[in-house]
N, C-alpha and C. Protein backbone atom coordinates (compact mmCIF):
# COMPACT_ATOMS: atom_id res chain seq x y z
N MET A 1 -15.70 -42.85 -22.43
CA MET A 1 -15.54 -41.51 -22.47
C MET A 1 -14.92 -41.16 -23.91
N SER A 2 -15.62 -40.29 -24.55
CA SER A 2 -15.21 -39.78 -25.81
C SER A 2 -14.75 -38.38 -25.87
N PHE A 3 -13.86 -37.99 -26.80
CA PHE A 3 -13.30 -36.72 -27.01
C PHE A 3 -13.79 -36.25 -28.36
N PRO A 4 -14.56 -35.02 -28.49
CA PRO A 4 -15.06 -34.48 -29.58
C PRO A 4 -13.86 -34.28 -30.72
N LEU A 5 -12.65 -34.12 -30.28
CA LEU A 5 -11.45 -33.81 -31.15
C LEU A 5 -11.03 -35.14 -31.55
N GLY A 6 -11.35 -36.26 -30.96
CA GLY A 6 -10.51 -37.50 -31.18
C GLY A 6 -9.61 -37.73 -30.19
N ALA A 7 -9.30 -39.10 -29.82
CA ALA A 7 -8.35 -39.39 -28.88
C ALA A 7 -6.81 -38.82 -29.10
N SER A 8 -6.42 -38.92 -30.30
CA SER A 8 -5.07 -38.27 -30.52
C SER A 8 -4.96 -36.87 -30.53
N SER A 9 -6.04 -36.13 -31.00
CA SER A 9 -6.04 -34.70 -30.76
C SER A 9 -6.19 -34.15 -29.49
N ALA A 10 -6.85 -34.99 -28.63
CA ALA A 10 -7.04 -34.61 -27.14
C ALA A 10 -5.67 -34.86 -26.51
N LEU A 11 -4.98 -35.88 -26.78
CA LEU A 11 -3.79 -36.18 -26.08
C LEU A 11 -2.71 -35.23 -26.64
N ALA A 12 -2.76 -34.72 -27.81
CA ALA A 12 -1.85 -33.65 -28.21
C ALA A 12 -2.18 -32.38 -27.59
N LEU A 13 -3.46 -31.96 -27.40
CA LEU A 13 -3.94 -30.88 -26.65
C LEU A 13 -3.36 -30.87 -25.10
N VAL A 14 -3.48 -32.02 -24.61
CA VAL A 14 -3.15 -32.13 -22.99
C VAL A 14 -1.68 -31.99 -23.09
N ALA A 15 -0.90 -32.69 -23.99
CA ALA A 15 0.46 -32.54 -23.82
C ALA A 15 1.06 -31.03 -24.14
N GLY A 16 0.45 -30.49 -25.05
CA GLY A 16 0.61 -29.02 -25.40
C GLY A 16 0.38 -28.10 -24.18
N LEU A 17 -0.73 -28.46 -23.49
CA LEU A 17 -0.93 -27.61 -22.28
C LEU A 17 0.11 -27.94 -21.14
N MET A 18 0.60 -29.08 -21.19
CA MET A 18 1.58 -29.42 -20.15
C MET A 18 2.75 -28.85 -20.42
N ILE A 19 3.15 -28.61 -21.57
CA ILE A 19 4.40 -27.82 -22.09
C ILE A 19 4.31 -26.45 -21.86
N ILE A 20 3.11 -25.76 -22.25
CA ILE A 20 2.90 -24.28 -22.20
C ILE A 20 2.67 -23.99 -20.80
N GLN A 21 2.02 -24.70 -19.92
CA GLN A 21 1.66 -24.32 -18.57
C GLN A 21 2.97 -23.97 -17.62
N PRO A 22 4.01 -24.68 -17.84
CA PRO A 22 5.08 -24.32 -17.13
C PRO A 22 5.87 -23.10 -17.61
N LEU A 23 5.62 -22.65 -18.73
CA LEU A 23 6.19 -21.62 -19.47
C LEU A 23 5.62 -20.38 -18.93
N ALA A 24 4.32 -20.26 -18.56
CA ALA A 24 3.62 -19.12 -18.15
C ALA A 24 4.28 -18.45 -16.82
N PRO A 25 4.61 -19.44 -15.74
CA PRO A 25 5.32 -18.76 -14.55
C PRO A 25 6.75 -18.22 -14.91
N SER A 26 7.34 -18.83 -15.87
CA SER A 26 8.82 -18.50 -16.22
C SER A 26 8.66 -17.17 -16.89
N ALA A 27 7.66 -16.97 -17.89
CA ALA A 27 7.37 -15.62 -18.60
C ALA A 27 7.07 -14.48 -17.53
N ALA A 28 6.23 -14.82 -16.51
CA ALA A 28 5.82 -13.76 -15.61
C ALA A 28 7.10 -13.55 -14.73
N ARG A 29 7.77 -14.55 -14.38
CA ARG A 29 9.04 -14.16 -13.57
C ARG A 29 10.11 -13.37 -14.36
N ALA A 30 10.25 -13.58 -15.68
CA ALA A 30 11.17 -12.83 -16.40
C ALA A 30 10.69 -11.49 -16.52
N SER A 31 9.34 -11.18 -16.67
CA SER A 31 8.89 -9.94 -16.66
C SER A 31 9.01 -9.31 -15.34
N ALA A 32 8.96 -9.83 -14.28
CA ALA A 32 9.25 -9.21 -12.92
C ALA A 32 10.65 -8.91 -12.74
N LEU A 33 11.52 -9.83 -13.24
CA LEU A 33 12.93 -9.60 -13.24
C LEU A 33 13.23 -8.32 -13.98
N ASP A 34 12.67 -8.13 -15.23
CA ASP A 34 12.90 -6.92 -15.94
C ASP A 34 12.33 -5.65 -15.38
N ASN A 35 11.29 -5.80 -14.58
CA ASN A 35 10.81 -4.53 -13.93
C ASN A 35 11.79 -4.20 -12.83
N GLU A 36 12.18 -5.31 -12.15
CA GLU A 36 13.14 -4.98 -10.93
C GLU A 36 14.51 -4.40 -11.44
N HIS A 37 14.84 -4.96 -12.70
CA HIS A 37 16.15 -4.37 -13.29
C HIS A 37 15.92 -2.82 -13.66
N GLU A 38 14.88 -2.55 -14.33
CA GLU A 38 14.53 -1.13 -14.56
C GLU A 38 14.47 -0.28 -13.38
N GLU A 39 14.02 -0.78 -12.31
CA GLU A 39 13.99 0.05 -11.17
C GLU A 39 15.46 0.30 -10.75
N VAL A 40 16.27 -0.71 -10.75
CA VAL A 40 17.72 -0.52 -10.61
C VAL A 40 18.42 0.45 -11.37
N LEU A 41 18.11 0.38 -12.67
CA LEU A 41 18.66 1.30 -13.75
C LEU A 41 18.20 2.75 -13.45
N THR A 42 16.90 2.90 -13.09
CA THR A 42 16.39 4.18 -12.71
C THR A 42 17.10 4.80 -11.49
N THR A 43 17.22 3.95 -10.59
CA THR A 43 17.94 4.28 -9.31
C THR A 43 19.41 4.84 -9.48
N VAL A 44 20.10 4.01 -10.25
CA VAL A 44 21.48 4.57 -10.67
C VAL A 44 21.43 5.84 -11.52
N ALA A 45 20.60 6.07 -12.38
CA ALA A 45 20.31 7.28 -12.95
C ALA A 45 20.15 8.37 -12.09
N THR A 46 19.26 8.14 -11.20
CA THR A 46 18.86 9.12 -10.13
C THR A 46 20.18 9.57 -9.20
N PHE A 47 20.94 8.72 -8.79
CA PHE A 47 22.10 8.91 -8.03
C PHE A 47 23.14 9.77 -8.85
N LYS A 48 23.14 9.46 -9.97
CA LYS A 48 24.15 10.14 -10.92
C LYS A 48 23.69 11.61 -11.22
N THR A 49 22.39 11.62 -11.33
CA THR A 49 21.88 13.15 -11.56
C THR A 49 22.05 13.98 -10.25
N LYS A 50 21.69 13.40 -9.12
CA LYS A 50 21.74 13.95 -7.74
C LYS A 50 23.24 14.62 -7.47
N ASP A 51 24.16 13.75 -7.69
CA ASP A 51 25.47 14.21 -7.56
C ASP A 51 26.47 13.62 -8.61
N PRO A 52 26.80 14.30 -9.78
CA PRO A 52 27.56 13.71 -10.81
C PRO A 52 28.85 13.21 -10.26
N GLY A 53 29.33 13.62 -9.13
CA GLY A 53 30.64 13.21 -8.52
C GLY A 53 30.59 11.72 -8.18
N VAL A 54 29.44 11.16 -8.04
CA VAL A 54 29.30 9.85 -7.73
C VAL A 54 29.76 8.77 -8.75
N LYS A 55 29.86 9.36 -10.11
CA LYS A 55 30.34 8.68 -11.17
C LYS A 55 31.62 7.91 -10.80
N LYS A 56 32.46 8.66 -10.17
CA LYS A 56 33.81 8.00 -9.92
C LYS A 56 33.66 6.67 -9.19
N PHE A 57 32.69 6.50 -8.31
CA PHE A 57 32.39 5.31 -7.72
C PHE A 57 31.94 4.14 -8.67
N PHE A 58 30.98 4.58 -9.38
CA PHE A 58 30.45 3.54 -10.39
C PHE A 58 31.79 3.14 -11.24
N ASP A 59 32.58 4.04 -11.64
CA ASP A 59 33.73 3.65 -12.52
C ASP A 59 34.77 2.79 -11.90
N ASP A 60 35.05 3.22 -10.55
CA ASP A 60 36.16 2.45 -9.92
C ASP A 60 35.84 1.26 -9.08
N ALA A 61 34.61 1.03 -8.69
CA ALA A 61 34.25 -0.09 -7.88
C ALA A 61 34.31 -1.39 -8.62
N VAL A 62 34.61 -2.37 -7.81
CA VAL A 62 34.69 -3.81 -8.68
C VAL A 62 33.32 -4.30 -8.58
N GLY A 63 32.26 -3.67 -8.01
CA GLY A 63 30.91 -4.13 -8.05
C GLY A 63 30.17 -3.15 -7.23
N TYR A 64 28.75 -3.18 -7.33
CA TYR A 64 27.81 -2.32 -6.53
C TYR A 64 26.59 -2.96 -6.30
N ALA A 65 26.04 -2.85 -5.13
CA ALA A 65 24.64 -3.33 -4.78
C ALA A 65 23.63 -2.15 -4.72
N VAL A 66 22.63 -2.28 -5.45
CA VAL A 66 21.58 -1.28 -5.62
C VAL A 66 20.26 -1.73 -5.00
N LEU A 67 19.82 -0.87 -4.07
CA LEU A 67 18.51 -1.18 -3.64
C LEU A 67 17.66 -0.01 -3.89
N PRO A 68 16.71 -0.11 -4.78
CA PRO A 68 15.87 0.95 -5.27
C PRO A 68 14.96 1.51 -4.17
N SER A 69 14.42 0.69 -3.48
CA SER A 69 13.53 1.11 -2.46
C SER A 69 13.59 0.42 -1.16
N VAL A 70 14.12 0.98 -0.10
CA VAL A 70 14.13 0.46 1.33
C VAL A 70 13.19 1.06 2.13
N GLY A 71 12.28 0.24 2.86
CA GLY A 71 11.26 0.86 3.61
C GLY A 71 11.66 0.69 5.22
N LYS A 72 11.65 1.72 5.89
CA LYS A 72 12.28 1.68 7.27
C LYS A 72 11.10 2.16 8.28
N GLY A 73 10.86 1.69 9.41
CA GLY A 73 9.99 2.31 10.29
C GLY A 73 10.38 1.98 11.69
N ALA A 74 9.94 2.70 12.61
CA ALA A 74 10.41 2.41 14.08
C ALA A 74 9.45 3.08 15.07
N VAL A 75 9.09 2.44 16.18
CA VAL A 75 8.48 2.94 17.24
C VAL A 75 9.32 2.25 18.41
N GLY A 76 10.41 2.79 18.84
CA GLY A 76 11.31 2.20 19.80
C GLY A 76 12.10 1.14 19.34
N ILE A 77 11.44 0.05 18.63
CA ILE A 77 12.22 -0.97 17.87
C ILE A 77 11.77 -0.64 16.48
N GLY A 78 12.95 -0.66 15.57
CA GLY A 78 12.75 -0.46 14.14
C GLY A 78 13.28 -1.65 13.31
N GLY A 79 12.77 -1.50 12.01
CA GLY A 79 13.09 -2.35 11.10
C GLY A 79 13.08 -1.79 9.69
N ALA A 80 13.93 -2.52 8.84
CA ALA A 80 13.96 -2.03 7.38
C ALA A 80 14.07 -3.20 6.57
N TYR A 81 13.58 -3.15 5.40
CA TYR A 81 13.74 -4.14 4.30
C TYR A 81 13.74 -3.58 2.93
N GLY A 82 14.59 -4.18 2.06
CA GLY A 82 14.73 -3.68 0.63
C GLY A 82 15.28 -4.88 -0.24
N GLU A 83 14.99 -4.77 -1.50
CA GLU A 83 15.54 -5.76 -2.47
C GLU A 83 16.06 -5.02 -3.74
N GLY A 84 17.03 -5.64 -4.24
CA GLY A 84 17.63 -5.07 -5.44
C GLY A 84 18.49 -6.08 -6.23
N GLU A 85 19.69 -5.62 -6.84
CA GLU A 85 20.51 -6.43 -7.56
C GLU A 85 21.95 -6.07 -7.23
N LEU A 86 22.88 -6.97 -7.51
CA LEU A 86 24.19 -6.72 -7.49
C LEU A 86 24.72 -6.72 -8.92
N ILE A 87 25.50 -5.61 -9.20
CA ILE A 87 26.05 -5.41 -10.49
C ILE A 87 27.56 -5.49 -10.50
N VAL A 88 28.08 -6.21 -11.30
CA VAL A 88 29.52 -6.47 -11.46
C VAL A 88 29.87 -6.21 -12.98
N ASN A 89 30.84 -5.48 -13.31
CA ASN A 89 31.16 -5.34 -14.69
C ASN A 89 30.05 -4.84 -15.52
N GLY A 90 29.18 -3.99 -14.90
CA GLY A 90 27.93 -3.35 -15.56
C GLY A 90 26.82 -4.33 -15.86
N LYS A 91 26.97 -5.51 -15.27
CA LYS A 91 25.97 -6.67 -15.49
C LYS A 91 25.25 -7.07 -14.12
N ALA A 92 23.99 -7.20 -14.20
CA ALA A 92 23.30 -7.72 -12.89
C ALA A 92 23.53 -9.24 -12.80
N ILE A 93 24.22 -9.57 -11.73
CA ILE A 93 24.59 -10.94 -11.46
C ILE A 93 23.61 -11.68 -10.56
N GLY A 94 22.85 -11.06 -9.75
CA GLY A 94 21.98 -11.61 -8.81
C GLY A 94 21.10 -10.72 -8.17
N LYS A 95 20.19 -11.28 -7.33
CA LYS A 95 19.28 -10.62 -6.56
C LYS A 95 19.83 -10.43 -5.19
N ILE A 96 19.61 -9.31 -4.41
CA ILE A 96 20.06 -9.06 -3.09
C ILE A 96 18.82 -8.69 -2.25
N SER A 97 18.88 -8.98 -0.95
CA SER A 97 17.78 -8.50 -0.05
C SER A 97 18.58 -8.10 1.11
N MET A 98 17.98 -6.96 1.80
CA MET A 98 18.63 -6.37 3.08
C MET A 98 17.52 -6.37 4.21
N THR A 99 17.88 -6.81 5.25
CA THR A 99 16.98 -6.56 6.51
C THR A 99 17.76 -5.88 7.58
N GLN A 100 17.05 -5.17 8.40
CA GLN A 100 17.82 -4.42 9.50
C GLN A 100 16.73 -4.42 10.79
N LEU A 101 17.40 -4.59 11.89
CA LEU A 101 16.63 -4.38 13.13
C LEU A 101 17.43 -3.34 13.90
N THR A 102 16.65 -2.47 14.54
CA THR A 102 17.39 -1.53 15.33
C THR A 102 16.48 -1.42 16.69
N VAL A 103 17.13 -1.07 17.69
CA VAL A 103 16.47 -0.82 19.05
C VAL A 103 17.10 0.53 19.64
N GLY A 104 16.26 1.33 20.02
CA GLY A 104 16.72 2.56 20.80
C GLY A 104 15.59 3.59 20.68
N LEU A 105 15.96 4.83 20.82
CA LEU A 105 15.03 5.99 20.93
C LEU A 105 14.79 6.40 19.40
N GLN A 106 13.74 5.87 18.76
CA GLN A 106 13.45 6.21 17.42
C GLN A 106 12.05 6.05 17.10
N PHE A 107 11.67 7.03 16.21
CA PHE A 107 10.18 6.95 15.74
C PHE A 107 10.11 7.49 14.49
N GLY A 108 9.26 6.87 13.62
CA GLY A 108 8.86 7.41 12.35
C GLY A 108 9.02 6.31 11.23
N GLY A 109 8.85 6.80 9.97
CA GLY A 109 8.98 5.93 8.79
C GLY A 109 9.61 6.69 7.77
N GLN A 110 10.23 5.89 6.88
CA GLN A 110 11.13 6.57 5.72
C GLN A 110 11.21 5.55 4.68
N ALA A 111 11.14 6.11 3.53
CA ALA A 111 11.72 5.25 2.29
C ALA A 111 13.00 5.97 1.53
N TYR A 112 13.89 5.11 1.26
CA TYR A 112 15.15 5.55 0.58
C TYR A 112 15.64 4.60 -0.28
N SER A 113 16.52 5.05 -1.13
CA SER A 113 17.22 4.12 -2.11
C SER A 113 18.65 4.13 -1.43
N GLU A 114 19.34 3.01 -1.85
CA GLU A 114 20.80 2.80 -1.27
C GLU A 114 21.59 1.96 -2.30
N ILE A 115 22.74 2.62 -2.36
CA ILE A 115 23.82 1.91 -3.19
C ILE A 115 25.18 1.65 -2.37
N ILE A 116 25.54 0.47 -2.39
CA ILE A 116 26.72 0.14 -1.72
C ILE A 116 27.90 -0.22 -2.80
N PHE A 117 28.96 0.54 -2.70
CA PHE A 117 30.10 0.37 -3.54
C PHE A 117 31.12 -0.53 -3.12
N PHE A 118 31.75 -1.58 -3.78
CA PHE A 118 32.60 -2.47 -3.09
C PHE A 118 34.06 -2.04 -3.85
N GLU A 119 35.02 -1.63 -3.06
CA GLU A 119 36.35 -1.20 -3.47
C GLU A 119 37.16 -2.40 -3.90
N LYS A 120 37.06 -3.57 -3.29
CA LYS A 120 37.97 -4.67 -3.49
C LYS A 120 37.17 -5.91 -3.73
N LYS A 121 37.80 -6.89 -4.56
CA LYS A 121 37.17 -8.08 -4.88
C LYS A 121 36.88 -8.89 -3.64
N THR A 122 37.73 -8.75 -2.43
CA THR A 122 37.50 -9.65 -1.41
C THR A 122 36.35 -9.30 -0.65
N THR A 123 36.10 -7.83 -0.56
CA THR A 123 34.86 -7.51 0.08
C THR A 123 33.69 -7.80 -0.62
N LEU A 124 33.75 -7.76 -2.09
CA LEU A 124 32.61 -8.20 -2.81
C LEU A 124 32.24 -9.62 -2.69
N ASP A 125 33.29 -10.47 -2.53
CA ASP A 125 33.19 -11.93 -2.51
C ASP A 125 32.52 -12.08 -1.08
N GLY A 126 32.97 -11.58 -0.12
CA GLY A 126 32.34 -11.67 1.25
C GLY A 126 30.87 -11.38 1.14
N PHE A 127 30.61 -10.31 0.40
CA PHE A 127 28.97 -9.95 0.29
C PHE A 127 28.29 -11.20 -0.42
N LYS A 128 28.96 -11.56 -1.51
CA LYS A 128 28.22 -12.70 -2.29
C LYS A 128 28.09 -13.99 -1.58
N HIS A 129 29.00 -14.16 -0.52
CA HIS A 129 28.82 -15.53 0.11
C HIS A 129 28.25 -15.42 1.54
N GLY A 130 27.64 -14.17 1.79
CA GLY A 130 26.72 -13.99 3.04
C GLY A 130 27.58 -13.57 4.21
N ASP A 131 28.87 -13.13 3.98
CA ASP A 131 29.80 -12.83 5.20
C ASP A 131 29.89 -11.42 5.33
N PHE A 132 28.51 -10.64 5.13
CA PHE A 132 28.70 -9.27 4.94
C PHE A 132 27.60 -8.76 5.87
N ALA A 133 27.81 -7.76 6.73
CA ALA A 133 26.81 -7.15 7.49
C ALA A 133 27.51 -5.88 8.01
N PHE A 134 26.70 -4.76 8.01
CA PHE A 134 27.41 -3.48 8.58
C PHE A 134 27.35 -3.51 10.10
N ALA A 135 28.61 -3.01 10.58
CA ALA A 135 28.56 -2.74 11.96
C ALA A 135 27.81 -1.60 12.43
N ALA A 136 27.47 -1.37 13.68
CA ALA A 136 26.62 -0.44 14.18
C ALA A 136 27.22 1.04 13.90
N GLN A 137 28.45 1.09 13.83
CA GLN A 137 28.98 2.47 13.65
C GLN A 137 29.09 2.89 12.22
N VAL A 138 28.77 2.04 11.11
CA VAL A 138 28.87 2.56 9.84
C VAL A 138 27.67 3.44 9.52
N SER A 139 27.91 4.47 8.63
CA SER A 139 26.85 5.23 8.34
C SER A 139 26.86 5.60 6.77
N ALA A 140 25.73 5.90 6.36
CA ALA A 140 25.69 6.22 4.83
C ALA A 140 25.89 7.73 4.68
N VAL A 141 26.24 8.13 3.34
CA VAL A 141 26.30 9.40 2.98
C VAL A 141 24.89 9.87 2.30
N ALA A 142 24.15 10.72 2.86
CA ALA A 142 23.01 11.13 2.19
C ALA A 142 23.33 11.95 1.00
N LEU A 143 23.13 11.43 -0.30
CA LEU A 143 23.48 11.89 -1.52
C LEU A 143 22.80 13.39 -1.75
N THR A 144 23.66 14.43 -1.82
CA THR A 144 23.24 15.69 -2.38
C THR A 144 24.30 15.97 -3.23
N SER A 145 24.08 17.15 -3.94
CA SER A 145 25.09 17.62 -5.03
C SER A 145 26.55 17.82 -4.17
N GLY A 146 27.42 17.29 -4.74
CA GLY A 146 28.75 17.49 -4.09
C GLY A 146 29.12 16.46 -2.91
N ALA A 147 28.18 15.94 -2.37
CA ALA A 147 28.48 15.01 -1.21
C ALA A 147 29.52 13.86 -1.49
N SER A 148 29.60 13.28 -2.64
CA SER A 148 30.47 12.24 -2.90
C SER A 148 31.96 12.59 -2.95
N ALA A 149 32.22 14.00 -3.11
CA ALA A 149 33.66 14.50 -3.30
C ALA A 149 34.59 14.16 -2.21
N ASN A 150 33.95 14.14 -0.99
CA ASN A 150 35.04 13.87 0.16
C ASN A 150 34.57 12.44 0.75
N SER A 151 33.82 11.65 0.17
CA SER A 151 33.45 10.47 0.73
C SER A 151 34.35 9.30 0.47
N PRO A 152 35.13 8.70 1.44
CA PRO A 152 36.06 7.67 1.13
C PRO A 152 35.41 6.37 1.25
N TYR A 153 36.14 5.38 0.89
CA TYR A 153 35.86 3.93 1.24
C TYR A 153 36.08 3.79 2.68
N ARG A 154 35.27 3.07 3.39
CA ARG A 154 35.52 2.66 4.78
C ARG A 154 35.36 1.14 4.90
N ASP A 155 36.39 0.33 5.28
CA ASP A 155 36.37 -1.04 5.33
C ASP A 155 36.07 -1.60 4.00
N GLY A 156 36.36 -1.13 2.84
CA GLY A 156 36.25 -1.58 1.59
C GLY A 156 34.80 -1.30 0.94
N VAL A 157 34.08 -0.36 1.57
CA VAL A 157 32.69 -0.06 1.02
C VAL A 157 32.55 1.41 1.09
N ALA A 158 31.74 1.81 0.31
CA ALA A 158 31.20 3.37 0.39
C ALA A 158 29.64 3.25 0.21
N VAL A 159 28.98 3.82 1.13
CA VAL A 159 27.51 3.63 0.96
C VAL A 159 26.80 5.07 0.92
N PHE A 160 25.88 5.10 -0.08
CA PHE A 160 25.19 6.48 -0.40
C PHE A 160 23.65 6.10 -0.34
N THR A 161 22.86 7.00 0.27
CA THR A 161 21.52 6.90 0.08
C THR A 161 20.77 8.27 -0.37
N VAL A 162 19.55 7.98 -0.91
CA VAL A 162 18.89 9.22 -1.41
C VAL A 162 17.46 8.94 -0.77
N ALA A 163 17.11 9.90 -0.10
CA ALA A 163 15.53 9.74 0.71
C ALA A 163 14.50 9.89 -0.39
N LYS A 164 13.52 9.10 -0.27
CA LYS A 164 12.38 9.07 -1.18
C LYS A 164 11.20 9.71 -0.51
N GLY A 165 11.22 9.67 0.78
CA GLY A 165 10.11 10.27 1.46
C GLY A 165 9.85 9.72 3.12
N GLY A 166 9.08 10.38 3.77
CA GLY A 166 8.93 9.92 4.97
C GLY A 166 9.60 10.88 6.12
N LEU A 167 9.27 10.72 7.28
CA LEU A 167 9.75 11.52 8.49
C LEU A 167 10.57 10.69 9.44
N MET A 168 11.83 10.42 9.11
CA MET A 168 12.77 9.77 10.18
C MET A 168 14.17 10.31 9.87
N TYR A 169 14.72 11.03 10.84
CA TYR A 169 16.11 11.56 10.66
C TYR A 169 17.10 10.49 10.90
N GLU A 170 17.63 9.90 10.03
CA GLU A 170 18.76 8.98 10.30
C GLU A 170 19.39 8.55 8.97
N ALA A 171 20.70 8.45 8.96
CA ALA A 171 21.43 7.93 7.86
C ALA A 171 22.26 6.62 8.16
N SER A 172 21.67 6.08 9.18
CA SER A 172 22.53 4.86 9.72
C SER A 172 22.24 3.74 8.90
N VAL A 173 23.30 2.99 8.68
CA VAL A 173 23.02 1.56 8.05
C VAL A 173 23.66 0.54 8.84
N GLY A 174 23.95 0.80 10.12
CA GLY A 174 24.44 -0.23 11.06
C GLY A 174 23.40 -1.27 11.24
N GLY A 175 23.84 -2.52 11.30
CA GLY A 175 22.98 -3.71 11.58
C GLY A 175 22.37 -4.25 10.33
N GLN A 176 22.67 -3.62 9.18
CA GLN A 176 22.05 -4.19 7.89
C GLN A 176 22.67 -5.64 7.62
N LYS A 177 21.91 -6.51 7.23
CA LYS A 177 22.32 -7.99 6.87
C LYS A 177 21.81 -8.30 5.55
N PHE A 178 22.68 -8.81 4.72
CA PHE A 178 22.44 -8.99 3.47
C PHE A 178 22.26 -10.44 2.99
N THR A 179 21.56 -10.77 1.91
CA THR A 179 21.62 -12.04 1.25
C THR A 179 21.79 -11.83 -0.26
N PHE A 180 22.30 -12.78 -0.92
CA PHE A 180 22.59 -12.72 -2.26
C PHE A 180 22.18 -14.08 -2.88
N LYS A 181 21.47 -13.96 -4.02
CA LYS A 181 21.09 -15.24 -4.81
C LYS A 181 21.46 -14.92 -6.29
N PRO A 182 22.43 -15.73 -6.76
CA PRO A 182 22.82 -15.44 -8.26
C PRO A 182 21.68 -15.76 -9.05
N TYR A 183 21.77 -15.03 -10.38
CA TYR A 183 20.74 -15.36 -11.41
C TYR A 183 21.28 -16.63 -12.16
């Protein structure tokens, strides 16, 4: 078998391709992370515009989880899923995902954004270690102008949502389960 470039050139080309090939998925992954982070930043800006009073939560929280888009649907049995980032000290430290399963009298579909503010480090640490799920009675505050003014932390968290579209009347976050993967 002969190589038109010569054996040493062919080996150098193969070695070069072996080095470059693994970089392509990493570059694509980095681009996807950049796009996801841009969605998180856009969501934060939307929340601050919708209700400037929410700024106090961004300033005072030890961290916050941002889910730019959660899809939710139900016909008797419902489910929801969303992905986002965990922000601590203004820096994205990992990817989060949320799943929810509900049973009851429900029908429709909805898309919304959600931000969970953590009041204390112990609550944030529980979230990072997978020891965090919302109980059935927890509900979110649908963010409108001035809605954050009287919104306290409950059990170390404050949850706000902004509807993106759909027809499903509910602000419940009960039964949400989260996973965290550090960057």
